[in-house]
C-alpha atoms as a PDB file:
ATOM      1  CA  MET A   1      24.398  39.594 -26.374  1.00  0.00           C
ATOM      2  CA  GLU A   2      23.747  38.907 -23.097  1.00  0.00           C
ATOM      3  CA  TYR A   3      21.039  36.420 -22.147  1.00  0.00           C
ATOM      4  CA  ARG A   4      19.265  35.956 -18.933  1.00  0.00           C
ATOM      5  CA  ARG A   5      16.467  33.506 -17.879  1.00  0.00           C
ATOM      6  CA  LEU A   6      13.185  35.379 -17.682  1.00  0.00           C
ATOM      7  CA  GLY A   7      12.193  34.420 -14.000  1.00  0.00           C
ATOM      8  CA  ARG A   8      13.009  31.580 -11.995  1.00  0.00           C
ATOM      9  CA  ASN A   9      12.056  28.996 -14.742  1.00  0.00           C
ATOM     10  CA  GLY A  10      11.619  30.788 -17.736  1.00  0.00           C
ATOM     11  CA  PRO A  11      13.348  31.044 -21.505  1.00  0.00           C
ATOM     12  CA  LEU A  12      16.738  32.489 -21.808  1.00  0.00           C
ATOM     13  CA  VAL A  13      16.053  35.764 -23.384  1.00  0.00           C
ATOM     14  CA  SER A  14      18.626  38.491 -24.666  1.00  0.00           C
ATOM     15  CA  ARG A  15      18.573  41.749 -22.561  1.00  0.00           C
ATOM     16  CA  LEU A  16      17.141  43.704 -25.323  1.00  0.00           C
ATOM     17  CA  CYS A  17      13.473  42.789 -26.227  1.00  0.00           C
ATOM     18  CA  PHE A  18      12.522  44.031 -29.529  1.00  0.00           C
ATOM     19  CA  GLY A  19       9.348  46.147 -29.082  1.00  0.00           C
ATOM     20  CA  SER A  20       7.257  45.826 -32.272  1.00  0.00           C
ATOM     21  CA  LEU A  21       4.602  48.583 -31.400  1.00  0.00           C
ATOM     22  CA  VAL A  22       6.545  51.437 -32.910  1.00  0.00           C
ATOM     23  CA  MET A  23       7.322  49.900 -36.466  1.00  0.00           C
ATOM     24  CA  GLY A  24       3.632  49.156 -36.859  1.00  0.00           C
ATOM     25  CA  PRO A  25       0.594  50.749 -38.284  1.00  0.00           C
ATOM     26  CA  LEU A  26       0.057  52.754 -34.933  1.00  0.00           C
ATOM     27  CA  GLN A  27       3.076  54.791 -35.283  1.00  0.00           C
ATOM     28  CA  ALA A  28       5.751  54.314 -38.044  1.00  0.00           C
ATOM     29  CA  GLY A  29       3.649  52.103 -40.276  1.00  0.00           C
ATOM     30  CA  LEU A  30       6.730  50.261 -41.878  1.00  0.00           C
ATOM     31  CA  SER A  31       6.076  48.284 -44.775  1.00  0.00           C
ATOM     32  CA  MET A  32       5.757  44.412 -44.513  1.00  0.00           C
ATOM     33  CA  LYS A  33       9.262  43.809 -46.046  1.00  0.00           C
ATOM     34  CA  GLU A  34      10.674  46.905 -43.850  1.00  0.00           C
ATOM     35  CA  GLY A  35       9.506  45.757 -40.704  1.00  0.00           C
ATOM     36  CA  ALA A  36      10.429  41.936 -41.198  1.00  0.00           C
ATOM     37  CA  GLY A  37      13.744  42.984 -42.193  1.00  0.00           C
ATOM     38  CA  LEU A  38      14.111  44.894 -38.926  1.00  0.00           C
ATOM     39  CA  ILE A  39      13.392  42.062 -36.998  1.00  0.00           C
ATOM     40  CA  LEU A  40      15.840  39.936 -38.959  1.00  0.00           C
ATOM     41  CA  GLU A  41      18.460  42.570 -38.150  1.00  0.00           C
ATOM     42  CA  ALA A  42      17.781  42.348 -34.637  1.00  0.00           C
ATOM     43  CA  ALA A  43      18.214  38.313 -34.841  1.00  0.00           C
ATOM     44  CA  ALA A  44      21.640  39.092 -36.430  1.00  0.00           C
ATOM     45  CA  LEU A  45      22.404  41.284 -33.322  1.00  0.00           C
ATOM     46  CA  GLY A  46      21.467  38.581 -31.016  1.00  0.00           C
ATOM     47  CA  VAL A  47      17.907  39.677 -30.176  1.00  0.00           C
ATOM     48  CA  ASN A  48      15.976  36.717 -29.624  1.00  0.00           C
ATOM     49  CA  PHE A  49      12.927  38.143 -27.709  1.00  0.00           C
ATOM     50  CA  ILE A  50       9.931  39.838 -29.261  1.00  0.00           C
ATOM     51  CA  ASP A  51       7.069  41.694 -27.639  1.00  0.00           C
ATOM     52  CA  THR A  52       3.790  42.307 -29.759  1.00  0.00           C
ATOM     53  CA  ALA A  53       0.133  42.676 -28.827  1.00  0.00           C
ATOM     54  CA  GLU A  54      -2.962  41.884 -30.505  1.00  0.00           C
ATOM     55  CA  ILE A  55      -3.981  45.804 -30.656  1.00  0.00           C
ATOM     56  CA  TYR A  56      -0.248  46.497 -32.550  1.00  0.00           C
ATOM     57  CA  GLU A  57      -1.373  44.755 -35.608  1.00  0.00           C
ATOM     58  CA  THR A  58       2.240  43.402 -36.182  1.00  0.00           C
ATOM     59  CA  TYR A  59       1.834  39.710 -35.992  1.00  0.00           C
ATOM     60  CA  GLY A  60       2.192  39.822 -39.793  1.00  0.00           C
ATOM     61  CA  TYR A  61       6.091  41.172 -39.562  1.00  0.00           C
ATOM     62  CA  ILE A  62       6.883  38.406 -37.311  1.00  0.00           C
ATOM     63  CA  LYS A  63       5.194  35.922 -39.665  1.00  0.00           C
ATOM     64  CA  GLU A  64       7.174  37.453 -42.467  1.00  0.00           C
ATOM     65  CA  ALA A  65      10.398  37.408 -40.908  1.00  0.00           C
ATOM     66  CA  LEU A  66       9.892  33.693 -39.935  1.00  0.00           C
ATOM     67  CA  ARG A  67       9.160  32.811 -43.711  1.00  0.00           C
ATOM     68  CA  LEU A  68      12.055  34.761 -45.021  1.00  0.00           C
ATOM     69  CA  ALA A  69      14.484  33.419 -42.591  1.00  0.00           C
ATOM     70  CA  GLY A  70      12.976  29.722 -43.475  1.00  0.00           C
ATOM     71  CA  GLU A  71      13.374  30.489 -47.296  1.00  0.00           C
ATOM     72  CA  THR A  72      17.087  32.060 -46.936  1.00  0.00           C
ATOM     73  CA  GLY A  73      18.618  29.768 -44.427  1.00  0.00           C
ATOM     74  CA  GLU A  74      19.499  32.472 -42.252  1.00  0.00           C
ATOM     75  CA  MET A  75      18.647  30.923 -39.068  1.00  0.00           C
ATOM     76  CA  LYS A  76      20.350  32.703 -36.028  1.00  0.00           C
ATOM     77  CA  SER A  77      21.214  29.866 -33.459  1.00  0.00           C
ATOM     78  CA  TRP A  78      20.492  31.194 -29.846  1.00  0.00           C
ATOM     79  CA  PRO A  79      20.289  29.317 -26.498  1.00  0.00           C
ATOM     80  CA  THR A  80      16.943  28.078 -25.771  1.00  0.00           C
ATOM     81  CA  ALA A  81      14.961  27.174 -22.643  1.00  0.00           C
ATOM     82  CA  GLY A  82      16.295  23.912 -22.701  1.00  0.00           C
ATOM     83  CA  GLY A  83      20.037  24.922 -23.088  1.00  0.00           C
ATOM     84  CA  PRO A  84      21.330  23.676 -26.245  1.00  0.00           C
ATOM     85  CA  PRO A  85      21.214  26.488 -29.143  1.00  0.00           C
ATOM     86  CA  GLY A  86      17.991  26.779 -31.255  1.00  0.00           C
ATOM     87  CA  SER A  87      17.305  27.950 -35.015  1.00  0.00           C
ATOM     88  CA  PHE A  88      15.733  31.071 -35.488  1.00  0.00           C
ATOM     89  CA  GLY A  89      12.216  29.771 -35.467  1.00  0.00           C
ATOM     90  CA  ASP A  90      12.513  27.850 -32.378  1.00  0.00           C
ATOM     91  CA  GLY A  91      14.752  30.057 -30.443  1.00  0.00           C
ATOM     92  CA  LEU A  92      12.434  33.138 -31.277  1.00  0.00           C
ATOM     93  CA  VAL A  93      10.717  33.887 -27.833  1.00  0.00           C
ATOM     94  CA  ILE A  94       7.607  35.757 -28.847  1.00  0.00           C
ATOM     95  CA  ALA A  95       5.315  37.895 -25.936  1.00  0.00           C
ATOM     96  CA  SER A  96       1.908  38.736 -26.865  1.00  0.00           C
ATOM     97  CA  LYS A  97      -1.189  40.220 -25.164  1.00  0.00           C
ATOM     98  CA  CYS A  98      -4.740  41.049 -25.422  1.00  0.00           C
ATOM     99  CA  TYR A  99      -7.708  42.845 -23.741  1.00  0.00           C
ATOM    100  CA  ALA A 100      -9.765  39.724 -23.360  1.00  0.00           C
ATOM    101  CA  TYR A 101     -11.497  38.947 -20.151  1.00  0.00           C
ATOM    102  CA  THR A 102     -13.767  36.309 -20.700  1.00  0.00           C
ATOM    103  CA  TRP A 103     -12.901  32.692 -21.675  1.00  0.00           C
ATOM    104  CA  GLU A 104     -14.401  33.086 -25.149  1.00  0.00           C
ATOM    105  CA  GLY A 105     -12.647  36.207 -25.826  1.00  0.00           C
ATOM    106  CA  MET A 106      -9.218  34.668 -24.819  1.00  0.00           C
ATOM    107  CA  GLU A 107      -9.903  31.876 -27.134  1.00  0.00           C
ATOM    108  CA  ASP A 108     -10.406  33.821 -29.856  1.00  0.00           C
ATOM    109  CA  SER A 109      -7.220  36.209 -29.066  1.00  0.00           C
ATOM    110  CA  LEU A 110      -5.070  33.078 -28.748  1.00  0.00           C
ATOM    111  CA  ARG A 111      -6.305  31.684 -31.670  1.00  0.00           C
ATOM    112  CA  LYS A 112      -5.632  34.866 -33.799  1.00  0.00           C
ATOM    113  CA  ALA A 113      -2.035  35.040 -32.538  1.00  0.00           C
ATOM    114  CA  GLN A 114      -1.076  31.719 -33.396  1.00  0.00           C
ATOM    115  CA  ARG A 115      -2.846  31.830 -36.932  1.00  0.00           C
ATOM    116  CA  GLU A 116      -1.345  35.320 -37.514  1.00  0.00           C
ATOM    117  CA  ILE A 117       1.909  34.619 -36.551  1.00  0.00           C
ATOM    118  CA  GLY A 118       2.208  31.258 -37.831  1.00  0.00           C
ATOM    119  CA  ARG A 119       3.071  29.265 -34.762  1.00  0.00           C
ATOM    120  CA  ASP A 120       1.349  26.942 -32.829  1.00  0.00           C
ATOM    121  CA  VAL A 121       2.878  27.574 -29.701  1.00  0.00           C
ATOM    122  CA  ILE A 122       3.177  31.234 -28.218  1.00  0.00           C
ATOM    123  CA  ASP A 123       5.708  31.390 -25.648  1.00  0.00           C
ATOM    124  CA  ILE A 124       4.137  34.261 -23.477  1.00  0.00           C
ATOM    125  CA  PHE A 125       0.540  35.216 -23.513  1.00  0.00           C
ATOM    126  CA  MET A 126      -0.376  38.123 -21.316  1.00  0.00           C
ATOM    127  CA  LEU A 127      -3.588  40.059 -20.049  1.00  0.00           C
ATOM    128  CA  HIS A 128      -2.853  43.586 -21.536  1.00  0.00           C
ATOM    129  CA  GLU A 129      -2.883  46.444 -18.770  1.00  0.00           C
ATOM    130  CA  GLN A 130      -4.235  45.139 -15.653  1.00  0.00           C
ATOM    131  CA  GLU A 131      -4.405  47.747 -12.820  1.00  0.00           C
ATOM    132  CA  SER A 132      -5.191  45.883  -9.559  1.00  0.00           C
ATOM    133  CA  GLU A 133      -6.084  42.829  -7.826  1.00  0.00           C
ATOM    134  CA  LEU A 134      -9.407  43.418  -8.602  1.00  0.00           C
ATOM    135  CA  THR A 135      -8.936  43.852 -12.252  1.00  0.00           C
ATOM    136  CA  LEU A 136      -7.147  40.320 -12.265  1.00  0.00           C
ATOM    137  CA  ARG A 137     -10.114  39.216 -10.286  1.00  0.00           C
ATOM    138  CA  GLY A 138     -12.620  40.544 -12.853  1.00  0.00           C
ATOM    139  CA  HIS A 139     -10.495  38.971 -15.864  1.00  0.00           C
ATOM    140  CA  ARG A 140     -10.418  35.608 -14.153  1.00  0.00           C
ATOM    141  CA  PRO A 141     -12.069  33.292 -17.021  1.00  0.00           C
ATOM    142  CA  ALA A 142      -9.759  34.783 -19.480  1.00  0.00           C
ATOM    143  CA  ILE A 143      -6.805  33.600 -16.977  1.00  0.00           C
ATOM    144  CA  GLU A 144      -8.428  30.326 -16.784  1.00  0.00           C
ATOM    145  CA  ARG A 145      -8.440  29.969 -20.482  1.00  0.00           C
ATOM    146  CA  LEU A 146      -4.795  30.705 -20.244  1.00  0.00           C
ATOM    147  CA  ILE A 147      -4.117  27.921 -17.666  1.00  0.00           C
ATOM    148  CA  LYS A 148      -5.739  25.366 -19.979  1.00  0.00           C
ATOM    149  CA  ALA A 149      -3.892  26.714 -23.038  1.00  0.00           C
ATOM    150  CA  LYS A 150      -0.612  25.896 -20.758  1.00  0.00           C
ATOM    151  CA  GLU A 151      -1.721  22.652 -19.789  1.00  0.00           C
ATOM    152  CA  ASP A 152      -2.463  21.775 -23.700  1.00  0.00           C
ATOM    153  CA  GLY A 153       1.062  23.479 -24.451  1.00  0.00           C
ATOM    154  CA  ASP A 154      -0.250  26.273 -26.608  1.00  0.00           C
ATOM    155  CA  VAL A 155       1.282  28.750 -24.203  1.00  0.00           C
ATOM    156  CA  ARG A 156       4.355  28.373 -22.506  1.00  0.00           C
ATOM    157  CA  PHE A 157       4.036  31.043 -19.817  1.00  0.00           C
ATOM    158  CA  ILE A 158       1.137  33.245 -18.334  1.00  0.00           C
ATOM    159  CA  GLY A 159       1.598  36.731 -17.835  1.00  0.00           C
ATOM    160  CA  ILE A 160       0.414  40.685 -17.242  1.00  0.00           C
ATOM    161  CA  SER A 161       1.478  44.007 -18.567  1.00  0.00           C
ATOM    162  CA  THR A 162       0.888  46.953 -16.156  1.00  0.00           C
ATOM    163  CA  HIS A 163       1.348  50.564 -15.672  1.00  0.00           C
ATOM    164  CA  CYS A 164       0.064  50.168 -12.127  1.00  0.00           C
ATOM    165  CA  VAL A 165       2.235  49.144  -8.780  1.00  0.00           C
ATOM    166  CA  ASN A 166      -1.109  47.377  -7.343  1.00  0.00           C
ATOM    167  CA  ALA A 167      -1.320  45.069 -10.429  1.00  0.00           C
ATOM    168  CA  VAL A 168       2.382  44.069  -9.839  1.00  0.00           C
ATOM    169  CA  LEU A 169       1.825  43.420  -5.975  1.00  0.00           C
ATOM    170  CA  ALA A 170      -1.192  41.435  -6.830  1.00  0.00           C
ATOM    171  CA  ALA A 171       0.522  39.388  -9.822  1.00  0.00           C
ATOM    172  CA  THR A 172       3.226  38.613  -7.445  1.00  0.00           C
ATOM    173  CA  SER A 173       1.017  36.655  -5.096  1.00  0.00           C
ATOM    174  CA  MET A 174      -0.586  34.692  -8.135  1.00  0.00           C
ATOM    175  CA  PRO A 175       1.536  31.399  -8.953  1.00  0.00           C
ATOM    176  CA  GLU A 176      -0.447  30.921 -12.309  1.00  0.00           C
ATOM    177  CA  ILE A 177       1.168  34.228 -13.265  1.00  0.00           C
ATOM    178  CA  ASP A 178       4.875  33.385 -14.475  1.00  0.00           C
ATOM    179  CA  VAL A 179       5.628  37.042 -16.312  1.00  0.00           C
ATOM    180  CA  ILE A 180       5.139  40.582 -15.526  1.00  0.00           C
ATOM    181  CA  HIS A 181       5.632  43.411 -18.009  1.00  0.00           C
ATOM    182  CA  PRO A 182       5.782  46.446 -15.862  1.00  0.00           C
ATOM    183  CA  LEU A 183       6.158  50.195 -16.669  1.00  0.00           C
ATOM    184  CA  ILE A 184       9.707  51.505 -15.495  1.00  0.00           C
ATOM    185  CA  ASN A 185      11.434  54.403 -16.328  1.00  0.00           C
ATOM    186  CA  LYS A 186      14.152  56.910 -14.595  1.00  0.00           C
ATOM    187  CA  ARG A 187      11.231  59.487 -14.202  1.00  0.00           C
ATOM    188  CA  GLY A 188       8.711  57.406 -13.491  1.00  0.00           C
ATOM    189  CA  LEU A 189       6.475  58.550 -16.399  1.00  0.00           C
ATOM    190  CA  GLY A 190       3.228  56.851 -16.941  1.00  0.00           C
ATOM    191  CA  ILE A 191       2.977  55.024 -13.420  1.00  0.00           C
ATOM    192  CA  LYS A 192      -0.711  55.164 -12.862  1.00  0.00           C
ATOM    193  CA  ASP A 193      -1.251  54.650  -8.971  1.00  0.00           C
ATOM    194  CA  GLY A 194       2.360  55.332  -7.170  1.00  0.00           C
ATOM    195  CA  SER A 195       5.821  56.471  -7.243  1.00  0.00           C
ATOM    196  CA  LEU A 196       8.710  55.511  -8.936  1.00  0.00           C
ATOM    197  CA  GLU A 197      10.292  54.166  -5.803  1.00  0.00           C
ATOM    198  CA  GLU A 198       7.061  52.098  -5.208  1.00  0.00           C
ATOM    199  CA  MET A 199       7.166  50.556  -8.512  1.00  0.00           C
ATOM    200  CA  LEU A 200      10.865  49.598  -8.267  1.00  0.00           C
ATOM    201  CA  ALA A 201      10.161  47.849  -4.870  1.00  0.00           C
ATOM    202  CA  ALA A 202       7.092  46.294  -5.899  1.00  0.00           C
ATOM    203  CA  VAL A 203       8.954  44.803  -8.992  1.00  0.00           C
ATOM    204  CA  LYS A 204      11.946  43.746  -7.067  1.00  0.00           C
ATOM    205  CA  ALA A 205      10.042  41.837  -4.817  1.00  0.00           C
ATOM    206  CA  ALA A 206       8.102  39.888  -7.821  1.00  0.00           C
ATOM    207  CA  HIS A 207      11.661  38.947  -9.254  1.00  0.00           C
ATOM    208  CA  ASP A 208      12.743  37.766  -5.802  1.00  0.00           C
ATOM    209  CA  ALA A 209       9.538  35.819  -5.974  1.00  0.00           C
ATOM    210  CA  GLY A 210      10.657  34.111  -8.998  1.00  0.00           C
ATOM    211  CA  LYS A 211       8.551  36.041 -11.600  1.00  0.00           C
ATOM    212  CA  GLY A 212      10.149  36.956 -15.120  1.00  0.00           C
ATOM    213  CA  ILE A 213      10.584  40.657 -15.419  1.00  0.00           C
ATOM    214  CA  TYR A 214      10.818  42.458 -18.531  1.00  0.00           C
ATOM    215  CA  ALA A 215      10.354  46.198 -18.473  1.00  0.00           C
ATOM    216  CA  MET A 216       8.374  48.565 -20.970  1.00  0.00           C
ATOM    217  CA  LYS A 217       8.571  52.402 -21.745  1.00  0.00           C
ATOM    218  CA  ALA A 218      12.092  52.695 -20.574  1.00  0.00           C
ATOM    219  CA  LEU A 219      12.151  55.778 -22.912  1.00  0.00           C
ATOM    220  CA  GLY A 220       9.006  57.310 -21.480  1.00  0.00           C
ATOM    221  CA  GLY A 221       7.004  56.594 -25.126  1.00  0.00           C
ATOM    222  CA  GLY A 222       9.864  58.616 -26.686  1.00  0.00           C
ATOM    223  CA  HIS A 223       9.838  61.592 -23.874  1.00  0.00           C
ATOM    224  CA  LEU A 224      13.313  60.561 -22.870  1.00  0.00           C
ATOM    225  CA  ALA A 225      14.695  59.631 -26.329  1.00  0.00           C
ATOM    226  CA  ARG A 226      16.864  62.449 -26.521  1.00  0.00           C
ATOM    227  CA  GLU A 227      18.658  61.113 -23.010  1.00  0.00           C
ATOM    228  CA  ALA A 228      18.617  57.404 -24.381  1.00  0.00           C
ATOM    229  CA  GLU A 229      21.584  56.144 -23.224  1.00  0.00           C
ATOM    230  CA  GLU A 230      21.059  57.408 -19.570  1.00  0.00           C
ATOM    231  CA  ALA A 231      17.574  56.463 -19.920  1.00  0.00           C
ATOM    232  CA  LEU A 232      18.238  52.759 -21.116  1.00  0.00           C
ATOM    233  CA  GLY A 233      21.023  52.699 -18.745  1.00  0.00           C
ATOM    234  CA  PHE A 234      19.094  53.309 -15.498  1.00  0.00           C
ATOM    235  CA  VAL A 235      16.777  50.329 -16.426  1.00  0.00           C
ATOM    236  CA  ARG A 236      19.571  48.055 -17.468  1.00  0.00           C
ATOM    237  CA  ASP A 237      21.309  48.346 -14.447  1.00  0.00           C
ATOM    238  CA  LEU A 238      18.594  47.023 -12.328  1.00  0.00           C
ATOM    239  CA  ASP A 239      19.598  43.592 -11.443  1.00  0.00           C
ATOM    240  CA  PHE A 240      15.871  42.582 -11.011  1.00  0.00           C
ATOM    241  CA  VAL A 241      14.866  43.464 -14.699  1.00  0.00           C
ATOM    242  CA  ASP A 242      15.713  40.333 -17.112  1.00  0.00           C
ATOM    243  CA  SER A 243      14.794  42.136 -20.338  1.00  0.00           C
ATOM    244  CA  ILE A 244      13.799  45.568 -21.607  1.00  0.00           C
ATOM    245  CA  ALA A 245      11.463  46.305 -24.446  1.00  0.00           C
ATOM    246  CA  VAL A 246      12.518  49.003 -26.391  1.00  0.00           C
ATOM    247  CA  GLY A 247      10.395  49.836 -29.659  1.00  0.00           C
ATOM    248  CA  VAL A 248      12.541  50.733 -32.637  1.00  0.00           C
ATOM    249  CA  ARG A 249      11.442  52.139 -36.083  1.00  0.00           C
ATOM    250  CA  SER A 250      15.011  51.813 -37.822  1.00  0.00           C
ATOM    251  CA  VAL A 251      18.373  49.812 -38.104  1.00  0.00           C
ATOM    252  CA  GLU A 252      20.126  52.748 -36.492  1.00  0.00           C
ATOM    253  CA  GLU A 253      17.707  52.878 -33.531  1.00  0.00           C
ATOM    254  CA  LEU A 254      18.308  49.536 -32.973  1.00  0.00           C
ATOM    255  CA  ARG A 255      22.240  49.267 -33.186  1.00  0.00           C
ATOM    256  CA  MET A 256      22.172  51.932 -30.595  1.00  0.00           C
ATOM    257  CA  ASN A 257      19.977  50.466 -28.285  1.00  0.00           C
ATOM    258  CA  VAL A 258      22.030  47.271 -28.637  1.00  0.00           C
ATOM    259  CA  ALA A 259      25.074  49.242 -27.778  1.00  0.00           C
ATOM    260  CA  ILE A 260      23.702  50.647 -24.812  1.00  0.00           C
ATOM    261  CA  LEU A 261      22.333  47.494 -23.324  1.00  0.00           C
ATOM    262  CA  GLN A 262      25.855  45.750 -23.923  1.00  0.00           C
ATOM    263  CA  GLY A 263      27.198  48.665 -21.801  1.00  0.00           C
ATOM    264  CA  THR A 264      29.636  49.500 -24.852  1.00  0.00           C
ATOM    265  CA  GLU A 265      29.963  53.375 -26.147  1.00  0.00           C
ATOM    266  CA  VAL A 266      27.466  54.311 -28.978  1.00  0.00           C
ATOM    267  CA  PRO A 267      29.747  55.209 -31.913  1.00  0.00           C
ATOM    268  CA  SER A 268      29.343  58.917 -32.768  1.00  0.00           C
ATOM    269  CA  SER A 269      28.935  58.062 -36.436  1.00  0.00           C
ATOM    270  CA  LEU A 270      25.848  56.051 -35.327  1.00  0.00           C
ATOM    271  CA  LYS A 271      24.590  58.734 -33.165  1.00  0.00           C
ATOM    272  CA  GLU A 272      24.875  61.243 -36.201  1.00  0.00           C
ATOM    273  CA  LYS A 273      22.405  58.778 -38.477  1.00  0.00           C
ATOM    274  CA  ILE A 274      19.645  58.813 -35.837  1.00  0.00           C
ATOM    275  CA  ARG A 275      17.513  61.455 -35.927  1.00  0.00           C
ATOM    276  CA  ILE A 276      15.776  61.677 -32.690  1.00  0.00           C
ATOM    277  CA  LEU A 277      12.320  63.584 -33.262  1.00  0.00           C
ATOM    278  CA  ASP A 278      10.106  64.518 -30.416  1.00  0.00           C
ATOM    279  CA  LYS A 279       6.800  62.524 -30.996  1.00  0.00           C
ATOM    280  CA  HIS A 280       3.193  63.611 -30.542  1.00  0.00           C
ATOM    281  CA  VAL A 281      -0.037  62.925 -30.586  1.00  0.00           C
ATOM    282  CA  HIS A 282      -1.803  64.665 -33.594  1.00  0.00           C
ATOM    283  CA  VAL A 283      -6.027  64.893 -33.597  1.00  0.00           C
ATOM    284  CA  GLU A 284      -7.259  66.068 -37.095  1.00  0.00           C
ATOM    285  CA  GLU A 285      -9.495  69.055 -37.173  1.00  0.00           C
ATOM    286  CA  TRP A 286     -12.395  67.277 -38.501  1.00  0.00           C
ATOM    287  CA  CYS A 287     -12.577  64.893 -35.440  1.00  0.00           C
ATOM    288  CA  GLN A 288     -16.281  64.170 -34.809  1.00  0.00           C
ATOM    289  CA  GLY A 289     -15.490  63.853 -30.629  1.00  0.00           C
ATOM    290  CA  CYS A 290     -16.893  60.579 -30.657  1.00  0.00           C
ATOM    291  CA  GLY A 291     -15.281  59.814 -27.364  1.00  0.00           C
ATOM    292  CA  LYS A 292     -13.603  56.464 -28.227  1.00  0.00           C
ATOM    293  CA  CYS A 293     -10.221  57.622 -28.059  1.00  0.00           C
ATOM    294  CA  VAL A 294     -10.806  59.152 -24.313  1.00  0.00           C
ATOM    295  CA  GLU A 295     -11.950  55.566 -23.340  1.00  0.00           C
ATOM    296  CA  ALA A 296      -9.002  53.700 -24.572  1.00  0.00           C
ATOM    297  CA  CYS A 297      -6.538  56.179 -23.160  1.00  0.00           C
ATOM    298  CA  PRO A 298      -4.906  54.373 -20.488  1.00  0.00           C
ATOM    299  CA  GLN A 299      -3.208  57.389 -18.888  1.00  0.00           C
ATOM    300  CA  GLN A 300      -6.487  59.629 -19.081  1.00  0.00           C
ATOM    301  CA  ALA A 301      -4.246  62.284 -21.077  1.00  0.00           C
ATOM    302  CA  LEU A 302      -7.207  62.973 -23.415  1.00  0.00           C
ATOM    303  CA  THR A 303     -10.250  65.088 -22.771  1.00  0.00           C
ATOM    304  CA  LEU A 304     -13.225  65.690 -24.944  1.00  0.00           C
ATOM    305  CA  VAL A 305     -13.864  69.444 -24.989  1.00  0.00           C
ATOM    306  CA  SER A 306     -16.837  70.099 -27.217  1.00  0.00           C
ATOM    307  CA  ASP A 307     -16.638  73.824 -28.194  1.00  0.00           C
ATOM    308  CA  GLU A 308     -12.835  73.427 -29.215  1.00  0.00           C
ATOM    309  CA  THR A 309     -11.619  72.439 -32.573  1.00  0.00           C
ATOM    310  CA  PRO A 310     -10.588  69.462 -32.506  1.00  0.00           C
ATOM    311  CA  PRO A 311     -12.913  68.406 -29.597  1.00  0.00           C
ATOM    312  CA  VAL A 312     -10.249  66.252 -28.048  1.00  0.00           C
ATOM    313  CA  ARG A 313      -7.652  67.787 -26.017  1.00  0.00           C
ATOM    314  CA  VAL A 314      -4.360  66.117 -25.156  1.00  0.00           C
ATOM    315  CA  GLU A 315      -2.461  66.560 -21.824  1.00  0.00           C
ATOM    316  CA  HIS A 316       1.155  65.748 -22.834  1.00  0.00           C
ATOM    317  CA  SER A 317       2.587  65.592 -19.693  1.00  0.00           C
ATOM    318  CA  LYS A 318       0.417  62.544 -19.015  1.00  0.00           C
ATOM    319  CA  CYS A 319       0.963  61.121 -22.679  1.00  0.00           C
ATOM    320  CA  VAL A 320       3.164  58.067 -22.894  1.00  0.00           C
ATOM    321  CA  LEU A 321       2.874  58.021 -26.905  1.00  0.00           C
ATOM    322  CA  CYS A 322       1.325  54.431 -26.869  1.00  0.00           C
ATOM    323  CA  GLY A 323      -0.814  55.157 -29.982  1.00  0.00           C
ATOM    324  CA  TYR A 324      -3.695  53.086 -28.199  1.00  0.00           C
ATOM    325  CA  CYS A 325      -6.112  56.115 -28.865  1.00  0.00           C
ATOM    326  CA  ALA A 326      -5.223  56.006 -32.700  1.00  0.00           C
ATOM    327  CA  ALA A 327      -6.200  52.167 -33.038  1.00  0.00           C
ATOM    328  CA  ARG A 328      -9.891  52.841 -31.321  1.00  0.00           C
ATOM    329  CA  CYS A 329     -10.269  55.861 -33.564  1.00  0.00           C
ATOM    330  CA  PRO A 330     -13.010  54.578 -36.219  1.00  0.00           C
ATOM    331  CA  ASP A 331     -12.127  57.453 -38.420  1.00  0.00           C
ATOM    332  CA  PHE A 332      -8.294  57.178 -38.011  1.00  0.00           C
ATOM    333  CA  PHE A 333      -8.374  60.762 -37.068  1.00  0.00           C
ATOM    334  CA  ILE A 334      -5.696  60.558 -34.484  1.00  0.00           C
ATOM    335  CA  LYS A 335      -1.560  60.062 -35.515  1.00  0.00           C
ATOM    336  CA  VAL A 336       1.213  59.476 -33.394  1.00  0.00           C
ATOM    337  CA  TYR A 337       4.471  60.427 -35.148  1.00  0.00           C
END
């Protein structure tokens, strides 16, 4: 596995970042044993970087993987930020994020991550789905709390995740932001405020300024899964992207992703084992039309239509299958599968 430094002063991370969203309750819903086992399998393949978020509800998988590794003595040695190899627990770089915009809200989210992951220090903590300089300014109290957490040693690096070119540009000029987690895929699917070319130019400028860059949605939320080798290869070959977060729900998908990011041929036997399905958002017909899913959708792909059944219409060309709508449904009437 190839490792790169995440930004000018960040940790050494594997080119593949384990995206935990897909395996969690918002999508595949793997059992705790299955999810923790998948993380340990990734570790065995050299993956030392994992992406999670408060909304994903996947902290427990990481904690269980750490516990199992400690019990069995299966401590994978990786390069750590300081140079020499570290154990699974020490070398695993964990990035999380939340929607908090106040000091108190960020305090609660940070403590929850520490408690539910079982770690005193969260390597990277980010503001989730930032849109512009205005958004970052409005969320300043949460950033201030992260700055204090970094000073106290509770957080090592501060970052943002975003689907927006303007947020990348704004974060580039902020010295307190160490890491940017932008949406990048070969078709520009999901970019909210610009073209693929504009996003690539902004991300390159951020990387040149010393920011750590790890990409998301290289497979367009699953829309590009049938052309995974080309789609992942496109982002892999961008020299200003340090790592790529890819969600997986099976060992076979994980091994395929590792092969692609290492630039090796995917064995035909492995391809045959992977059943690539077209995922979609399904809204149950008994949905009450409360509108919470519409408010939660970052892509504005959902619309309330009162005279239809169900009363929520999905514009699939805009949907990136993140599952955030399902997380906000109070009655679990939305599924992503």
